[in-house]
């Protein structure tokens, strides 16, 4: 079965209508562009035109704006639903007991697991659709404009595989799978995600389709250790919270929210990526279970540093208040 048909069947099978890639519409645009190009060849009497015109009036006017709008809607929908689901799972205090009671009455725990699985599938199949349509664009135009557009979309944080909530959902499934295994219960959990170690370095992997496999490196590029108290910047790169604070020139007391817009990601050098940073709570739980000895050592080290920074912060606040 061709991917286009498989994708259409998947989207139509969803109970709620979700944003998706207009695969058929975009392919029609490319088909029209190819036909116009062939007509141009015939009129000009040219045997072969190696590249499409630099500014294609057919595609550039409709193809990229349409795809960009669809990508924005897909990422927005995915982030919103994933954040809501994980908030339910990680809730605490009175809210936790309220959700637990409500879930018991409505059988929501199984639904929570299924929704998480559906969201990961939704992200991966749409990532595949976007990759395939851009590959088709480059094939028709004999160009690399499709890949350039993908890079531009990544810089605008519209690439769904960059979403920190995808990483959180993957960790969420592994955590549930391990906790259920300990209790000797075996509901239909999602087996597509796994935590692997290569030379002691962890990474998250997810594979749903032959054409897409996602690997997320969990080594902080600043301290070169496994990420501790991980945080994802809006560009998609993951760091230890204290390392990210150091890179953003802020204290852990003040937090990343007050980082200046000019501060850049240490890896991709994108600016303004700290304000919308996301704490990866599910990933934190997963790594604390999987790297227990390392976690305890790092916890002791960071506790000392956090106390020192907090003490310096409040001392400076007191001096400012006293006018010293």
C-alpha atoms as a PDB file:
ATOM      1  CA  UNK A   1       0.000   0.000   0.000  1.00  0.00           C
ATOM      2  CA  UNK A   2       1.315   3.425  -0.918  1.00  0.00           C
ATOM      3  CA  UNK A   3       2.056   5.739   1.967  1.00  0.00           C
ATOM      4  CA  UNK A   4      -0.396   8.393   0.746  1.00  0.00           C
ATOM      5  CA  UNK A   5      -3.301   5.933   0.943  1.00  0.00           C
ATOM      6  CA  UNK A   6      -2.102   4.591   4.306  1.00  0.00           C
ATOM      7  CA  UNK A   7      -1.874   8.136   5.662  1.00  0.00           C
ATOM      8  CA  UNK A   8      -5.364   9.055   4.442  1.00  0.00           C
ATOM      9  CA  UNK A   9      -6.834   5.913   6.037  1.00  0.00           C
ATOM     10  CA  UNK A  10      -5.062   6.671   9.325  1.00  0.00           C
ATOM     11  CA  UNK A  11      -6.341  10.265   9.487  1.00  0.00           C
ATOM     12  CA  UNK A  12      -9.898   9.257   8.545  1.00  0.00           C
ATOM     13  CA  UNK A  13      -9.916   6.557  11.245  1.00  0.00           C
ATOM     14  CA  UNK A  14      -9.390   9.120  14.046  1.00  0.00           C
ATOM     15  CA  UNK A  15     -12.456   9.703  16.229  1.00  0.00           C
ATOM     16  CA  UNK A  16     -11.739  13.435  16.449  1.00  0.00           C
ATOM     17  CA  UNK A  17     -10.719  15.382  13.391  1.00  0.00           C
ATOM     18  CA  UNK A  18      -7.034  16.258  13.800  1.00  0.00           C
ATOM     19  CA  UNK A  19      -4.813  18.626  11.811  1.00  0.00           C
ATOM     20  CA  UNK A  20      -2.797  16.825   9.185  1.00  0.00           C
ATOM     21  CA  UNK A  21      -0.787  17.158   5.992  1.00  0.00           C
ATOM     22  CA  UNK A  22      -2.913  17.819   2.898  1.00  0.00           C
ATOM     23  CA  UNK A  23      -1.036  15.070   1.073  1.00  0.00           C
ATOM     24  CA  UNK A  24      -3.331  14.831  -1.954  1.00  0.00           C
ATOM     25  CA  UNK A  25      -3.616  18.607  -2.349  1.00  0.00           C
ATOM     26  CA  UNK A  26       0.165  19.101  -2.188  1.00  0.00           C
ATOM     27  CA  UNK A  27       0.770  16.285  -4.662  1.00  0.00           C
ATOM     28  CA  UNK A  28      -1.680  17.928  -7.083  1.00  0.00           C
ATOM     29  CA  UNK A  29       0.312  21.179  -6.830  1.00  0.00           C
ATOM     30  CA  UNK A  30       3.520  19.291  -7.669  1.00  0.00           C
ATOM     31  CA  UNK A  31       1.785  17.472 -10.534  1.00  0.00           C
ATOM     32  CA  UNK A  32       0.618  20.801 -11.974  1.00  0.00           C
ATOM     33  CA  UNK A  33       4.132  22.189 -11.643  1.00  0.00           C
ATOM     34  CA  UNK A  34       5.591  19.192 -13.499  1.00  0.00           C
ATOM     35  CA  UNK A  35       2.989  19.523 -16.267  1.00  0.00           C
ATOM     36  CA  UNK A  36       3.684  23.255 -16.666  1.00  0.00           C
ATOM     37  CA  UNK A  37       7.398  22.567 -16.799  1.00  0.00           C
ATOM     38  CA  UNK A  38       6.916  19.974 -19.556  1.00  0.00           C
ATOM     39  CA  UNK A  39       4.799  22.460 -21.543  1.00  0.00           C
ATOM     40  CA  UNK A  40       7.548  25.058 -21.130  1.00  0.00           C
ATOM     41  CA  UNK A  41      10.086  22.596 -22.481  1.00  0.00           C
ATOM     42  CA  UNK A  42       7.924  21.941 -25.537  1.00  0.00           C
ATOM     43  CA  UNK A  43       7.357  25.631 -26.276  1.00  0.00           C
ATOM     44  CA  UNK A  44      11.024  26.534 -25.948  1.00  0.00           C
ATOM     45  CA  UNK A  45      12.164  23.486 -27.860  1.00  0.00           C
ATOM     46  CA  UNK A  46      14.532  22.476 -25.091  1.00  0.00           C
ATOM     47  CA  UNK A  47      15.303  18.785 -24.852  1.00  0.00           C
ATOM     48  CA  UNK A  48      16.124  18.885 -21.166  1.00  0.00           C
ATOM     49  CA  UNK A  49      15.905  21.532 -18.460  1.00  0.00           C
ATOM     50  CA  UNK A  50      18.110  20.338 -15.573  1.00  0.00           C
ATOM     51  CA  UNK A  51      16.448  22.475 -12.902  1.00  0.00           C
ATOM     52  CA  UNK A  52      13.085  24.073 -12.279  1.00  0.00           C
ATOM     53  CA  UNK A  53      13.029  27.900 -12.411  1.00  0.00           C
ATOM     54  CA  UNK A  54      14.596  29.421  -9.291  1.00  0.00           C
ATOM     55  CA  UNK A  55      11.257  30.893  -8.191  1.00  0.00           C
ATOM     56  CA  UNK A  56       8.542  28.471  -9.209  1.00  0.00           C
ATOM     57  CA  UNK A  57       5.287  30.449  -9.516  1.00  0.00           C
ATOM     58  CA  UNK A  58       3.171  27.338  -9.108  1.00  0.00           C
ATOM     59  CA  UNK A  59       4.841  25.770  -6.069  1.00  0.00           C
ATOM     60  CA  UNK A  60       6.378  28.651  -4.161  1.00  0.00           C
ATOM     61  CA  UNK A  61       3.122  30.578  -4.181  1.00  0.00           C
ATOM     62  CA  UNK A  62       0.994  27.755  -2.753  1.00  0.00           C
ATOM     63  CA  UNK A  63       3.099  24.739  -1.752  1.00  0.00           C
ATOM     64  CA  UNK A  64       5.350  26.042   1.027  1.00  0.00           C
ATOM     65  CA  UNK A  65       2.786  28.406   2.654  1.00  0.00           C
ATOM     66  CA  UNK A  66       0.212  25.581   2.740  1.00  0.00           C
ATOM     67  CA  UNK A  67       2.670  23.088   4.190  1.00  0.00           C
ATOM     68  CA  UNK A  68       3.958  25.577   6.776  1.00  0.00           C
ATOM     69  CA  UNK A  69       0.413  26.301   7.968  1.00  0.00           C
ATOM     70  CA  UNK A  70      -0.323  22.584   8.266  1.00  0.00           C
ATOM     71  CA  UNK A  71       2.916  21.931  10.169  1.00  0.00           C
ATOM     72  CA  UNK A  72       2.082  24.737  12.598  1.00  0.00           C
ATOM     73  CA  UNK A  73      -1.377  23.283  13.250  1.00  0.00           C
ATOM     74  CA  UNK A  74      -0.004  19.756  13.711  1.00  0.00           C
ATOM     75  CA  UNK A  75       2.661  20.825  16.216  1.00  0.00           C
ATOM     76  CA  UNK A  76       0.206  23.044  18.106  1.00  0.00           C
ATOM     77  CA  UNK A  77      -2.381  20.257  18.403  1.00  0.00           C
ATOM     78  CA  UNK A  78       0.215  17.667  19.421  1.00  0.00           C
ATOM     79  CA  UNK A  79       1.859  19.897  22.066  1.00  0.00           C
ATOM     80  CA  UNK A  80      -1.470  20.894  23.589  1.00  0.00           C
ATOM     81  CA  UNK A  81      -2.797  17.336  23.867  1.00  0.00           C
ATOM     82  CA  UNK A  82       0.493  15.865  25.072  1.00  0.00           C
ATOM     83  CA  UNK A  83       0.925  18.549  27.734  1.00  0.00           C
ATOM     84  CA  UNK A  84      -2.620  17.975  28.998  1.00  0.00           C
ATOM     85  CA  UNK A  85      -2.121  14.205  29.158  1.00  0.00           C
ATOM     86  CA  UNK A  86       1.196  14.429  31.017  1.00  0.00           C
ATOM     87  CA  UNK A  87      -0.192  17.021  33.435  1.00  0.00           C
ATOM     88  CA  UNK A  88      -2.846  14.479  34.382  1.00  0.00           C
ATOM     89  CA  UNK A  89      -0.260  11.755  34.866  1.00  0.00           C
ATOM     90  CA  UNK A  90       2.163  13.876  36.911  1.00  0.00           C
ATOM     91  CA  UNK A  91      -0.395  15.710  39.014  1.00  0.00           C
ATOM     92  CA  UNK A  92       0.077  15.671  42.787  1.00  0.00           C
ATOM     93  CA  UNK A  93      -1.691  16.583  46.003  1.00  0.00           C
ATOM     94  CA  UNK A  94      -5.458  17.057  46.043  1.00  0.00           C
ATOM     95  CA  UNK A  95      -5.571  17.209  42.251  1.00  0.00           C
ATOM     96  CA  UNK A  96      -3.909  13.794  42.032  1.00  0.00           C
ATOM     97  CA  UNK A  97      -6.602  12.161  44.233  1.00  0.00           C
ATOM     98  CA  UNK A  98      -9.359  13.949  42.354  1.00  0.00           C
ATOM     99  CA  UNK A  99      -8.053  12.681  39.002  1.00  0.00           C
ATOM    100  CA  UNK A 100      -7.477   9.187  40.457  1.00  0.00           C
ATOM    101  CA  UNK A 101     -11.059   9.038  41.777  1.00  0.00           C
ATOM    102  CA  UNK A 102     -12.457  10.373  38.508  1.00  0.00           C
ATOM    103  CA  UNK A 103     -10.327   7.926  36.546  1.00  0.00           C
ATOM    104  CA  UNK A 104     -11.500   4.976  38.631  1.00  0.00           C
ATOM    105  CA  UNK A 105     -15.091   5.891  37.918  1.00  0.00           C
ATOM    106  CA  UNK A 106     -14.610   6.405  34.205  1.00  0.00           C
ATOM    107  CA  UNK A 107     -11.886   3.816  33.494  1.00  0.00           C
ATOM    108  CA  UNK A 108      -9.563   6.591  32.362  1.00  0.00           C
ATOM    109  CA  UNK A 109      -6.233   4.899  33.154  1.00  0.00           C
ATOM    110  CA  UNK A 110      -6.381   2.623  30.128  1.00  0.00           C
ATOM    111  CA  UNK A 111      -7.614   5.539  28.033  1.00  0.00           C
ATOM    112  CA  UNK A 112      -4.613   7.577  29.246  1.00  0.00           C
ATOM    113  CA  UNK A 113      -2.221   4.892  28.021  1.00  0.00           C
ATOM    114  CA  UNK A 114      -4.009   4.585  24.692  1.00  0.00           C
ATOM    115  CA  UNK A 115      -4.058   8.340  24.129  1.00  0.00           C
ATOM    116  CA  UNK A 116      -0.316   8.526  24.777  1.00  0.00           C
ATOM    117  CA  UNK A 117       0.270   5.774  22.229  1.00  0.00           C
ATOM    118  CA  UNK A 118      -1.985   7.505  19.706  1.00  0.00           C
ATOM    119  CA  UNK A 119      -0.138  10.802  20.158  1.00  0.00           C
ATOM    120  CA  UNK A 120       3.266   9.231  19.476  1.00  0.00           C
ATOM    121  CA  UNK A 121       1.841   7.503  16.399  1.00  0.00           C
ATOM    122  CA  UNK A 122       0.302  10.806  15.269  1.00  0.00           C
ATOM    123  CA  UNK A 123       3.650  12.591  15.602  1.00  0.00           C
ATOM    124  CA  UNK A 124       5.633   9.920  13.776  1.00  0.00           C
ATOM    125  CA  UNK A 125       3.238   9.407  10.859  1.00  0.00           C
ATOM    126  CA  UNK A 126       2.970  13.161  10.266  1.00  0.00           C
ATOM    127  CA  UNK A 127       6.770  13.493  10.411  1.00  0.00           C
ATOM    128  CA  UNK A 128       6.915  10.761   7.750  1.00  0.00           C
ATOM    129  CA  UNK A 129       4.309  12.532   5.604  1.00  0.00           C
ATOM    130  CA  UNK A 130       6.195  15.845   5.747  1.00  0.00           C
ATOM    131  CA  UNK A 131       9.504  14.166   4.904  1.00  0.00           C
ATOM    132  CA  UNK A 132       7.995  12.337   1.929  1.00  0.00           C
ATOM    133  CA  UNK A 133       6.235  15.369   0.428  1.00  0.00           C
ATOM    134  CA  UNK A 134       9.423  17.471   0.692  1.00  0.00           C
ATOM    135  CA  UNK A 135      11.389  14.666  -0.939  1.00  0.00           C
ATOM    136  CA  UNK A 136       8.799  14.637  -3.723  1.00  0.00           C
ATOM    137  CA  UNK A 137       9.196  18.421  -4.126  1.00  0.00           C
ATOM    138  CA  UNK A 138      12.963  18.097  -4.568  1.00  0.00           C
ATOM    139  CA  UNK A 139      12.520  15.245  -7.036  1.00  0.00           C
ATOM    140  CA  UNK A 140      10.124  17.268  -9.218  1.00  0.00           C
ATOM    141  CA  UNK A 141      12.271  20.412  -9.092  1.00  0.00           C
ATOM    142  CA  UNK A 142      15.706  18.763  -9.232  1.00  0.00           C
ATOM    143  CA  UNK A 143      16.604  20.926  -6.244  1.00  0.00           C
ATOM    144  CA  UNK A 144      17.274  20.938  -2.498  1.00  0.00           C
ATOM    145  CA  UNK A 145      14.699  23.602  -1.678  1.00  0.00           C
ATOM    146  CA  UNK A 146      12.605  21.042   0.183  1.00  0.00           C
ATOM    147  CA  UNK A 147      15.473  20.289   2.558  1.00  0.00           C
ATOM    148  CA  UNK A 148      16.140  24.016   2.938  1.00  0.00           C
ATOM    149  CA  UNK A 149      12.477  24.507   3.866  1.00  0.00           C
ATOM    150  CA  UNK A 150      12.759  21.738   6.464  1.00  0.00           C
ATOM    151  CA  UNK A 151      15.750  23.497   8.048  1.00  0.00           C
ATOM    152  CA  UNK A 152      13.785  26.755   8.060  1.00  0.00           C
ATOM    153  CA  UNK A 153      10.830  25.028   9.744  1.00  0.00           C
ATOM    154  CA  UNK A 154      13.170  23.636  12.404  1.00  0.00           C
ATOM    155  CA  UNK A 155      14.520  27.130  13.127  1.00  0.00           C
ATOM    156  CA  UNK A 156      10.886  28.259  13.542  1.00  0.00           C
ATOM    157  CA  UNK A 157      10.255  25.309  15.940  1.00  0.00           C
ATOM    158  CA  UNK A 158       7.611  23.774  13.660  1.00  0.00           C
ATOM    159  CA  UNK A 159       9.280  20.372  13.270  1.00  0.00           C
ATOM    160  CA  UNK A 160       7.185  17.916  15.286  1.00  0.00           C
ATOM    161  CA  UNK A 161      10.156  15.655  16.056  1.00  0.00           C
ATOM    162  CA  UNK A 162      11.728  18.623  17.882  1.00  0.00           C
ATOM    163  CA  UNK A 163       8.849  18.838  20.335  1.00  0.00           C
ATOM    164  CA  UNK A 164       9.928  18.235  23.968  1.00  0.00           C
ATOM    165  CA  UNK A 165       6.532  16.656  24.566  1.00  0.00           C
ATOM    166  CA  UNK A 166       7.404  13.815  22.170  1.00  0.00           C
ATOM    167  CA  UNK A 167      10.443  13.007  24.314  1.00  0.00           C
ATOM    168  CA  UNK A 168       8.237  13.169  27.421  1.00  0.00           C
ATOM    169  CA  UNK A 169       5.649  10.825  25.880  1.00  0.00           C
ATOM    170  CA  UNK A 170       8.344   8.293  25.017  1.00  0.00           C
ATOM    171  CA  UNK A 171       9.626   8.367  28.613  1.00  0.00           C
ATOM    172  CA  UNK A 172       6.006   8.185  29.848  1.00  0.00           C
ATOM    173  CA  UNK A 173       5.439   4.891  28.012  1.00  0.00           C
ATOM    174  CA  UNK A 174       8.672   3.331  29.228  1.00  0.00           C
ATOM    175  CA  UNK A 175       7.898   4.351  32.826  1.00  0.00           C
ATOM    176  CA  UNK A 176       4.408   2.838  32.619  1.00  0.00           C
ATOM    177  CA  UNK A 177       5.705  -0.324  30.989  1.00  0.00           C
ATOM    178  CA  UNK A 178       8.300  -0.857  33.720  1.00  0.00           C
ATOM    179  CA  UNK A 179       5.909  -0.098  36.585  1.00  0.00           C
ATOM    180  CA  UNK A 180       3.295  -2.478  35.186  1.00  0.00           C
ATOM    181  CA  UNK A 181       5.926  -5.188  34.681  1.00  0.00           C
ATOM    182  CA  UNK A 182       6.874  -4.946  38.382  1.00  0.00           C
ATOM    183  CA  UNK A 183       3.214  -5.331  39.349  1.00  0.00           C
ATOM    184  CA  UNK A 184       2.913  -8.301  36.949  1.00  0.00           C
ATOM    185  CA  UNK A 185       0.166  -6.629  35.027  1.00  0.00           C
ATOM    186  CA  UNK A 186       0.271  -6.569  31.259  1.00  0.00           C
ATOM    187  CA  UNK A 187      -2.079  -4.066  29.626  1.00  0.00           C
ATOM    188  CA  UNK A 188      -1.550  -3.284  25.970  1.00  0.00           C
ATOM    189  CA  UNK A 189       1.360  -0.876  26.348  1.00  0.00           C
ATOM    190  CA  UNK A 190       3.256   0.729  23.529  1.00  0.00           C
ATOM    191  CA  UNK A 191       6.464  -1.220  22.764  1.00  0.00           C
ATOM    192  CA  UNK A 192       7.831   1.134  20.107  1.00  0.00           C
ATOM    193  CA  UNK A 193       9.868   3.213  22.596  1.00  0.00           C
ATOM    194  CA  UNK A 194      12.996   2.099  24.442  1.00  0.00           C
ATOM    195  CA  UNK A 195      15.867   3.444  26.536  1.00  0.00           C
ATOM    196  CA  UNK A 196      19.210   2.126  25.268  1.00  0.00           C
ATOM    197  CA  UNK A 197      22.784   2.473  26.496  1.00  0.00           C
ATOM    198  CA  UNK A 198      25.806   2.695  24.212  1.00  0.00           C
ATOM    199  CA  UNK A 199      29.149   2.797  26.058  1.00  0.00           C
ATOM    200  CA  UNK A 200      27.250   3.892  29.140  1.00  0.00           C
ATOM    201  CA  UNK A 201      25.573   6.801  27.299  1.00  0.00           C
ATOM    202  CA  UNK A 202      21.744   6.648  27.276  1.00  0.00           C
ATOM    203  CA  UNK A 203      19.428   7.519  24.405  1.00  0.00           C
ATOM    204  CA  UNK A 204      15.690   7.285  23.741  1.00  0.00           C
ATOM    205  CA  UNK A 205      14.624   5.427  20.598  1.00  0.00           C
ATOM    206  CA  UNK A 206      11.281   5.173  18.862  1.00  0.00           C
ATOM    207  CA  UNK A 207      10.422   3.365  15.647  1.00  0.00           C
ATOM    208  CA  UNK A 208       6.946   2.992  14.194  1.00  0.00           C
ATOM    209  CA  UNK A 209       7.546   2.932  10.464  1.00  0.00           C
ATOM    210  CA  UNK A 210      10.404   1.603   8.369  1.00  0.00           C
ATOM    211  CA  UNK A 211      11.128   5.094   7.085  1.00  0.00           C
ATOM    212  CA  UNK A 212      11.278   6.931  10.423  1.00  0.00           C
ATOM    213  CA  UNK A 213      13.336   6.130  13.480  1.00  0.00           C
ATOM    214  CA  UNK A 214      13.843   8.725  16.170  1.00  0.00           C
ATOM    215  CA  UNK A 215      16.916   8.665  18.423  1.00  0.00           C
ATOM    216  CA  UNK A 216      17.285  11.261  21.188  1.00  0.00           C
ATOM    217  CA  UNK A 217      20.732  11.567  22.734  1.00  0.00           C
ATOM    218  CA  UNK A 218      20.504  12.034  26.509  1.00  0.00           C
ATOM    219  CA  UNK A 219      24.048  13.301  27.036  1.00  0.00           C
ATOM    220  CA  UNK A 220      24.346  16.952  28.024  1.00  0.00           C
ATOM    221  CA  UNK A 221      26.692  18.662  25.560  1.00  0.00           C
ATOM    222  CA  UNK A 222      27.845  21.093  28.263  1.00  0.00           C
ATOM    223  CA  UNK A 223      28.935  18.790  31.114  1.00  0.00           C
ATOM    224  CA  UNK A 224      29.216  15.706  28.825  1.00  0.00           C
ATOM    225  CA  UNK A 225      27.334  13.557  31.375  1.00  0.00           C
ATOM    226  CA  UNK A 226      23.875  12.009  31.310  1.00  0.00           C
ATOM    227  CA  UNK A 227      21.343  14.844  31.563  1.00  0.00           C
ATOM    228  CA  UNK A 228      20.324  15.478  35.176  1.00  0.00           C
ATOM    229  CA  UNK A 229      17.070  17.303  35.968  1.00  0.00           C
ATOM    230  CA  UNK A 230      16.677  17.604  32.162  1.00  0.00           C
ATOM    231  CA  UNK A 231      15.215  20.613  30.413  1.00  0.00           C
ATOM    232  CA  UNK A 232      14.444  21.012  26.714  1.00  0.00           C
ATOM    233  CA  UNK A 233      14.914  24.373  25.015  1.00  0.00           C
ATOM    234  CA  UNK A 234      12.459  25.471  22.342  1.00  0.00           C
ATOM    235  CA  UNK A 235      14.989  24.483  19.656  1.00  0.00           C
ATOM    236  CA  UNK A 236      14.656  20.869  20.872  1.00  0.00           C
ATOM    237  CA  UNK A 237      18.088  20.430  22.477  1.00  0.00           C
ATOM    238  CA  UNK A 238      18.213  18.875  25.940  1.00  0.00           C
ATOM    239  CA  UNK A 239      20.536  19.933  28.773  1.00  0.00           C
ATOM    240  CA  UNK A 240      20.871  19.573  32.536  1.00  0.00           C
ATOM    241  CA  UNK A 241      18.885  22.321  34.229  1.00  0.00           C
ATOM    242  CA  UNK A 242      21.938  23.777  35.971  1.00  0.00           C
ATOM    243  CA  UNK A 243      23.976  23.628  32.750  1.00  0.00           C
ATOM    244  CA  UNK A 244      21.200  25.433  30.872  1.00  0.00           C
ATOM    245  CA  UNK A 245      21.034  28.113  33.585  1.00  0.00           C
ATOM    246  CA  UNK A 246      24.783  28.574  33.319  1.00  0.00           C
ATOM    247  CA  UNK A 247      24.598  28.865  29.509  1.00  0.00           C
ATOM    248  CA  UNK A 248      21.765  31.406  29.816  1.00  0.00           C
ATOM    249  CA  UNK A 249      23.713  33.446  32.403  1.00  0.00           C
ATOM    250  CA  UNK A 250      20.995  33.103  35.063  1.00  0.00           C
ATOM    251  CA  UNK A 251      20.964  31.531  38.521  1.00  0.00           C
ATOM    252  CA  UNK A 252      18.908  28.448  39.340  1.00  0.00           C
ATOM    253  CA  UNK A 253      16.901  30.597  41.764  1.00  0.00           C
ATOM    254  CA  UNK A 254      15.872  33.048  39.049  1.00  0.00           C
ATOM    255  CA  UNK A 255      15.312  30.293  36.486  1.00  0.00           C
ATOM    256  CA  UNK A 256      15.355  30.204  32.692  1.00  0.00           C
ATOM    257  CA  UNK A 257      12.233  32.341  32.301  1.00  0.00           C
ATOM    258  CA  UNK A 258      14.233  35.524  32.927  1.00  0.00           C
ATOM    259  CA  UNK A 259      17.006  34.687  30.442  1.00  0.00           C
ATOM    260  CA  UNK A 260      17.663  37.508  27.976  1.00  0.00           C
ATOM    261  CA  UNK A 261      16.364  36.962  24.417  1.00  0.00           C
ATOM    262  CA  UNK A 262      19.889  37.360  23.020  1.00  0.00           C
ATOM    263  CA  UNK A 263      21.152  34.278  24.912  1.00  0.00           C
ATOM    264  CA  UNK A 264      21.769  31.402  22.480  1.00  0.00           C
ATOM    265  CA  UNK A 265      21.559  27.619  22.551  1.00  0.00           C
ATOM    266  CA  UNK A 266      25.087  26.194  23.066  1.00  0.00           C
ATOM    267  CA  UNK A 267      24.530  23.703  20.222  1.00  0.00           C
ATOM    268  CA  UNK A 268      22.573  25.336  17.392  1.00  0.00           C
ATOM    269  CA  UNK A 269      23.234  28.964  18.420  1.00  0.00           C
ATOM    270  CA  UNK A 270      19.534  29.843  18.085  1.00  0.00           C
ATOM    271  CA  UNK A 271      18.557  32.886  20.169  1.00  0.00           C
ATOM    272  CA  UNK A 272      15.512  33.282  22.425  1.00  0.00           C
ATOM    273  CA  UNK A 273      15.205  29.564  23.216  1.00  0.00           C
ATOM    274  CA  UNK A 274      15.232  29.708  27.031  1.00  0.00           C
ATOM    275  CA  UNK A 275      11.978  31.438  27.933  1.00  0.00           C
ATOM    276  CA  UNK A 276       9.812  28.575  26.633  1.00  0.00           C
ATOM    277  CA  UNK A 277      12.042  25.798  28.007  1.00  0.00           C
ATOM    278  CA  UNK A 278      10.228  22.684  29.280  1.00  0.00           C
ATOM    279  CA  UNK A 279      11.220  20.641  32.324  1.00  0.00           C
ATOM    280  CA  UNK A 280      11.177  16.967  31.291  1.00  0.00           C
ATOM    281  CA  UNK A 281       9.626  15.380  34.388  1.00  0.00           C
ATOM    282  CA  UNK A 282       8.882  11.946  32.875  1.00  0.00           C
ATOM    283  CA  UNK A 283      12.414  11.704  31.505  1.00  0.00           C
ATOM    284  CA  UNK A 284      13.752  12.703  34.906  1.00  0.00           C
ATOM    285  CA  UNK A 285      11.837   9.826  36.529  1.00  0.00           C
ATOM    286  CA  UNK A 286      13.032   7.360  33.872  1.00  0.00           C
ATOM    287  CA  UNK A 287      16.715   8.264  34.200  1.00  0.00           C
ATOM    288  CA  UNK A 288      16.601   8.308  38.011  1.00  0.00           C
ATOM    289  CA  UNK A 289      15.358   4.698  37.892  1.00  0.00           C
ATOM    290  CA  UNK A 290      17.712   3.529  35.146  1.00  0.00           C
ATOM    291  CA  UNK A 291      20.904   5.271  36.369  1.00  0.00           C
ATOM    292  CA  UNK A 292      20.323   5.039  40.113  1.00  0.00           C
ATOM    293  CA  UNK A 293      23.945   5.126  41.305  1.00  0.00           C
ATOM    294  CA  UNK A 294      24.890   8.027  39.015  1.00  0.00           C
ATOM    295  CA  UNK A 295      21.709   9.843  40.010  1.00  0.00           C
ATOM    296  CA  UNK A 296      22.504   9.647  43.735  1.00  0.00           C
ATOM    297  CA  UNK A 297      26.046  10.957  43.201  1.00  0.00           C
ATOM    298  CA  UNK A 298      24.855  13.789  40.992  1.00  0.00           C
ATOM    299  CA  UNK A 299      22.085  14.626  43.440  1.00  0.00           C
ATOM    300  CA  UNK A 300      24.617  15.142  46.248  1.00  0.00           C
ATOM    301  CA  UNK A 301      26.848  17.297  44.043  1.00  0.00           C
ATOM    302  CA  UNK A 302      24.012  19.452  42.761  1.00  0.00           C
ATOM    303  CA  UNK A 303      22.451  19.859  46.206  1.00  0.00           C
ATOM    304  CA  UNK A 304      25.648  21.522  47.427  1.00  0.00           C
ATOM    305  CA  UNK A 305      25.785  23.829  44.400  1.00  0.00           C
ATOM    306  CA  UNK A 306      22.104  24.735  44.656  1.00  0.00           C
ATOM    307  CA  UNK A 307      22.462  25.632  48.342  1.00  0.00           C
ATOM    308  CA  UNK A 308      25.488  27.801  47.525  1.00  0.00           C
ATOM    309  CA  UNK A 309      23.662  29.648  44.732  1.00  0.00           C
ATOM    310  CA  UNK A 310      20.524  30.108  46.829  1.00  0.00           C
ATOM    311  CA  UNK A 311      22.587  31.484  49.726  1.00  0.00           C
ATOM    312  CA  UNK A 312      24.386  33.956  47.439  1.00  0.00           C
ATOM    313  CA  UNK A 313      21.080  35.019  45.881  1.00  0.00           C
ATOM    314  CA  UNK A 314      19.354  35.776  49.175  1.00  0.00           C
ATOM    315  CA  UNK A 315      22.411  37.480  50.604  1.00  0.00           C
ATOM    316  CA  UNK A 316      22.476  39.819  47.590  1.00  0.00           C
ATOM    317  CA  UNK A 317      18.728  40.420  47.993  1.00  0.00           C
ATOM    318  CA  UNK A 318      19.213  41.296  51.673  1.00  0.00           C
ATOM    319  CA  UNK A 319      22.071  43.689  50.871  1.00  0.00           C
ATOM    320  CA  UNK A 320      19.962  45.379  48.226  1.00  0.00           C
ATOM    321  CA  UNK A 321      17.044  45.694  50.661  1.00  0.00           C
ATOM    322  CA  UNK A 322      19.270  47.137  53.385  1.00  0.00           C
ATOM    323  CA  UNK A 323      20.964  49.461  50.901  1.00  0.00           C
ATOM    324  CA  UNK A 324      24.402  48.078  51.706  1.00  0.00           C
END
